[in-house]
């Protein structure tokens, strides 16, 4: 009887033990996606910046950290607003699953205002 109970409970105990580690790894991947989105926003907010420059800035953060796989960076710059969205999967997993993350940063495009117009 004890062997049967152990065979049933042991995988559950393992999963419960590893779950906090997986949550921490997922949280770290989410923070990386947030950083990449904010970096892309910072670059893209400059008045004469291009969508490509914002995308490359976010991509360089993702490449430097190596925390996300299958990542995509979408930049939408329309009018005076810019939105940068980063999606991907956590590279490091201890439990099965996709563990997808997404981060979005939005802001206004900065523009120079002459002193007499302020």
C-alpha atoms as a PDB file:
ATOM      1  CA  UNK A   1       0.000   0.000   0.000  1.00  0.00           C
ATOM      2  CA  UNK A   2       2.799   2.430   0.857  1.00  0.00           C
ATOM      3  CA  UNK A   3       4.461   1.854  -2.516  1.00  0.00           C
ATOM      4  CA  UNK A   4       1.266   2.731  -4.355  1.00  0.00           C
ATOM      5  CA  UNK A   5       0.806   5.884  -2.285  1.00  0.00           C
ATOM      6  CA  UNK A   6       4.399   6.887  -2.910  1.00  0.00           C
ATOM      7  CA  UNK A   7       4.049   6.251  -6.660  1.00  0.00           C
ATOM      8  CA  UNK A   8       1.021   8.556  -6.753  1.00  0.00           C
ATOM      9  CA  UNK A   9       2.227  11.279  -4.383  1.00  0.00           C
ATOM     10  CA  UNK A  10       5.869  11.549  -5.445  1.00  0.00           C
ATOM     11  CA  UNK A  11       5.210  13.217  -8.848  1.00  0.00           C
ATOM     12  CA  UNK A  12       2.798  15.633  -7.187  1.00  0.00           C
ATOM     13  CA  UNK A  13       5.379  16.546  -4.545  1.00  0.00           C
ATOM     14  CA  UNK A  14       8.015  17.064  -7.259  1.00  0.00           C
ATOM     15  CA  UNK A  15       5.655  19.356  -9.216  1.00  0.00           C
ATOM     16  CA  UNK A  16       4.807  21.382  -6.104  1.00  0.00           C
ATOM     17  CA  UNK A  17       8.497  21.720  -5.291  1.00  0.00           C
ATOM     18  CA  UNK A  18       9.474  22.884  -8.794  1.00  0.00           C
ATOM     19  CA  UNK A  19       6.512  25.217  -9.346  1.00  0.00           C
ATOM     20  CA  UNK A  20       7.980  28.191  -7.384  1.00  0.00           C
ATOM     21  CA  UNK A  21      11.177  27.936  -9.432  1.00  0.00           C
ATOM     22  CA  UNK A  22       9.169  27.969 -12.673  1.00  0.00           C
ATOM     23  CA  UNK A  23       7.207  31.005 -11.505  1.00  0.00           C
ATOM     24  CA  UNK A  24      10.469  32.807 -10.735  1.00  0.00           C
ATOM     25  CA  UNK A  25      11.881  31.959 -14.176  1.00  0.00           C
ATOM     26  CA  UNK A  26       8.667  33.147 -15.834  1.00  0.00           C
ATOM     27  CA  UNK A  27       8.735  36.369 -13.829  1.00  0.00           C
ATOM     28  CA  UNK A  28      12.342  36.964 -14.894  1.00  0.00           C
ATOM     29  CA  UNK A  29      11.413  36.435 -18.561  1.00  0.00           C
ATOM     30  CA  UNK A  30       8.526  38.907 -18.132  1.00  0.00           C
ATOM     31  CA  UNK A  31      10.914  41.480 -16.663  1.00  0.00           C
ATOM     32  CA  UNK A  32      13.217  41.000 -19.658  1.00  0.00           C
ATOM     33  CA  UNK A  33      10.298  41.554 -22.050  1.00  0.00           C
ATOM     34  CA  UNK A  34       9.328  44.692 -20.093  1.00  0.00           C
ATOM     35  CA  UNK A  35      12.889  46.011 -20.327  1.00  0.00           C
ATOM     36  CA  UNK A  36      13.046  45.368 -24.074  1.00  0.00           C
ATOM     37  CA  UNK A  37       9.698  47.093 -24.652  1.00  0.00           C
ATOM     38  CA  UNK A  38      10.712  50.115 -22.573  1.00  0.00           C
ATOM     39  CA  UNK A  39      14.072  50.352 -24.368  1.00  0.00           C
ATOM     40  CA  UNK A  40      12.339  50.227 -27.744  1.00  0.00           C
ATOM     41  CA  UNK A  41       9.953  52.938 -26.553  1.00  0.00           C
ATOM     42  CA  UNK A  42      12.801  55.146 -25.338  1.00  0.00           C
ATOM     43  CA  UNK A  43      14.512  54.948 -28.724  1.00  0.00           C
ATOM     44  CA  UNK A  44      11.299  55.278 -30.717  1.00  0.00           C
ATOM     45  CA  UNK A  45      10.035  58.319 -28.817  1.00  0.00           C
ATOM     46  CA  UNK A  46      12.712  60.559 -30.289  1.00  0.00           C
ATOM     47  CA  UNK A  47      11.157  62.837 -32.880  1.00  0.00           C
ATOM     48  CA  UNK A  48      13.232  61.688 -35.880  1.00  0.00           C
ATOM     49  CA  UNK A  49      13.564  58.012 -34.864  1.00  0.00           C
ATOM     50  CA  UNK A  50      12.304  55.257 -37.131  1.00  0.00           C
ATOM     51  CA  UNK A  51      10.312  52.137 -36.371  1.00  0.00           C
ATOM     52  CA  UNK A  52      13.337  50.064 -37.387  1.00  0.00           C
ATOM     53  CA  UNK A  53      15.553  51.790 -34.808  1.00  0.00           C
ATOM     54  CA  UNK A  54      13.018  51.096 -32.051  1.00  0.00           C
ATOM     55  CA  UNK A  55      12.696  47.455 -33.121  1.00  0.00           C
ATOM     56  CA  UNK A  56      16.485  47.028 -33.227  1.00  0.00           C
ATOM     57  CA  UNK A  57      16.885  48.575 -29.765  1.00  0.00           C
ATOM     58  CA  UNK A  58      14.355  46.165 -28.259  1.00  0.00           C
ATOM     59  CA  UNK A  59      15.930  43.275 -30.161  1.00  0.00           C
ATOM     60  CA  UNK A  60      19.385  44.116 -28.857  1.00  0.00           C
ATOM     61  CA  UNK A  61      18.119  43.857 -25.266  1.00  0.00           C
ATOM     62  CA  UNK A  62      16.592  40.471 -26.028  1.00  0.00           C
ATOM     63  CA  UNK A  63      19.804  39.292 -27.688  1.00  0.00           C
ATOM     64  CA  UNK A  64      21.973  40.526 -24.814  1.00  0.00           C
ATOM     65  CA  UNK A  65      19.927  38.836 -22.096  1.00  0.00           C
ATOM     66  CA  UNK A  66      19.066  35.602 -23.900  1.00  0.00           C
ATOM     67  CA  UNK A  67      15.996  35.062 -21.718  1.00  0.00           C
ATOM     68  CA  UNK A  68      13.385  34.731 -24.488  1.00  0.00           C
ATOM     69  CA  UNK A  69      13.086  32.406 -27.461  1.00  0.00           C
ATOM     70  CA  UNK A  70      10.688  32.757 -30.388  1.00  0.00           C
ATOM     71  CA  UNK A  71      10.520  36.447 -29.559  1.00  0.00           C
ATOM     72  CA  UNK A  72       8.920  39.107 -31.720  1.00  0.00           C
ATOM     73  CA  UNK A  73       9.014  42.878 -31.469  1.00  0.00           C
ATOM     74  CA  UNK A  74       6.156  44.881 -32.946  1.00  0.00           C
ATOM     75  CA  UNK A  75       6.398  48.668 -33.170  1.00  0.00           C
ATOM     76  CA  UNK A  76       3.439  50.845 -34.124  1.00  0.00           C
ATOM     77  CA  UNK A  77       4.135  54.522 -34.561  1.00  0.00           C
ATOM     78  CA  UNK A  78       1.040  56.384 -35.620  1.00  0.00           C
ATOM     79  CA  UNK A  79       0.620  60.112 -35.262  1.00  0.00           C
ATOM     80  CA  UNK A  80       2.117  61.216 -31.985  1.00  0.00           C
ATOM     81  CA  UNK A  81       1.835  57.807 -30.227  1.00  0.00           C
ATOM     82  CA  UNK A  82       4.225  54.873 -30.274  1.00  0.00           C
ATOM     83  CA  UNK A  83       3.546  51.368 -29.007  1.00  0.00           C
ATOM     84  CA  UNK A  84       6.178  48.652 -28.626  1.00  0.00           C
ATOM     85  CA  UNK A  85       5.035  45.076 -27.955  1.00  0.00           C
ATOM     86  CA  UNK A  86       7.452  42.244 -27.152  1.00  0.00           C
ATOM     87  CA  UNK A  87       6.294  38.627 -27.051  1.00  0.00           C
ATOM     88  CA  UNK A  88       8.195  35.406 -26.576  1.00  0.00           C
ATOM     89  CA  UNK A  89       8.666  32.243 -24.558  1.00  0.00           C
ATOM     90  CA  UNK A  90      10.820  31.785 -21.495  1.00  0.00           C
ATOM     91  CA  UNK A  91      14.060  30.059 -22.479  1.00  0.00           C
ATOM     92  CA  UNK A  92      14.499  28.294 -19.156  1.00  0.00           C
ATOM     93  CA  UNK A  93      11.792  25.917 -17.971  1.00  0.00           C
ATOM     94  CA  UNK A  94      11.732  23.309 -15.250  1.00  0.00           C
ATOM     95  CA  UNK A  95       8.104  22.352 -15.886  1.00  0.00           C
ATOM     96  CA  UNK A  96       6.540  21.661 -19.279  1.00  0.00           C
ATOM     97  CA  UNK A  97       4.391  24.291 -20.948  1.00  0.00           C
ATOM     98  CA  UNK A  98       4.768  27.247 -23.257  1.00  0.00           C
ATOM     99  CA  UNK A  99       5.204  29.913 -20.530  1.00  0.00           C
ATOM    100  CA  UNK A 100       4.631  32.804 -22.961  1.00  0.00           C
ATOM    101  CA  UNK A 101       5.281  36.391 -21.939  1.00  0.00           C
ATOM    102  CA  UNK A 102       4.137  39.671 -23.438  1.00  0.00           C
ATOM    103  CA  UNK A 103       5.055  43.243 -22.596  1.00  0.00           C
ATOM    104  CA  UNK A 104       3.746  46.479 -24.055  1.00  0.00           C
ATOM    105  CA  UNK A 105       5.086  50.003 -23.649  1.00  0.00           C
ATOM    106  CA  UNK A 106       3.227  53.079 -24.928  1.00  0.00           C
ATOM    107  CA  UNK A 107       4.123  56.723 -25.036  1.00  0.00           C
ATOM    108  CA  UNK A 108       4.006  59.939 -26.969  1.00  0.00           C
ATOM    109  CA  UNK A 109       6.566  60.839 -29.596  1.00  0.00           C
ATOM    110  CA  UNK A 110       8.715  63.642 -28.251  1.00  0.00           C
ATOM    111  CA  UNK A 111       8.998  66.796 -30.273  1.00  0.00           C
ATOM    112  CA  UNK A 112      11.081  69.908 -29.974  1.00  0.00           C
ATOM    113  CA  UNK A 113       9.170  72.960 -28.834  1.00  0.00           C
ATOM    114  CA  UNK A 114      10.847  76.301 -29.344  1.00  0.00           C
ATOM    115  CA  UNK A 115      11.139  78.490 -26.275  1.00  0.00           C
ATOM    116  CA  UNK A 116       8.795  81.121 -27.636  1.00  0.00           C
ATOM    117  CA  UNK A 117       6.086  78.457 -28.179  1.00  0.00           C
ATOM    118  CA  UNK A 118       6.126  77.184 -24.578  1.00  0.00           C
END
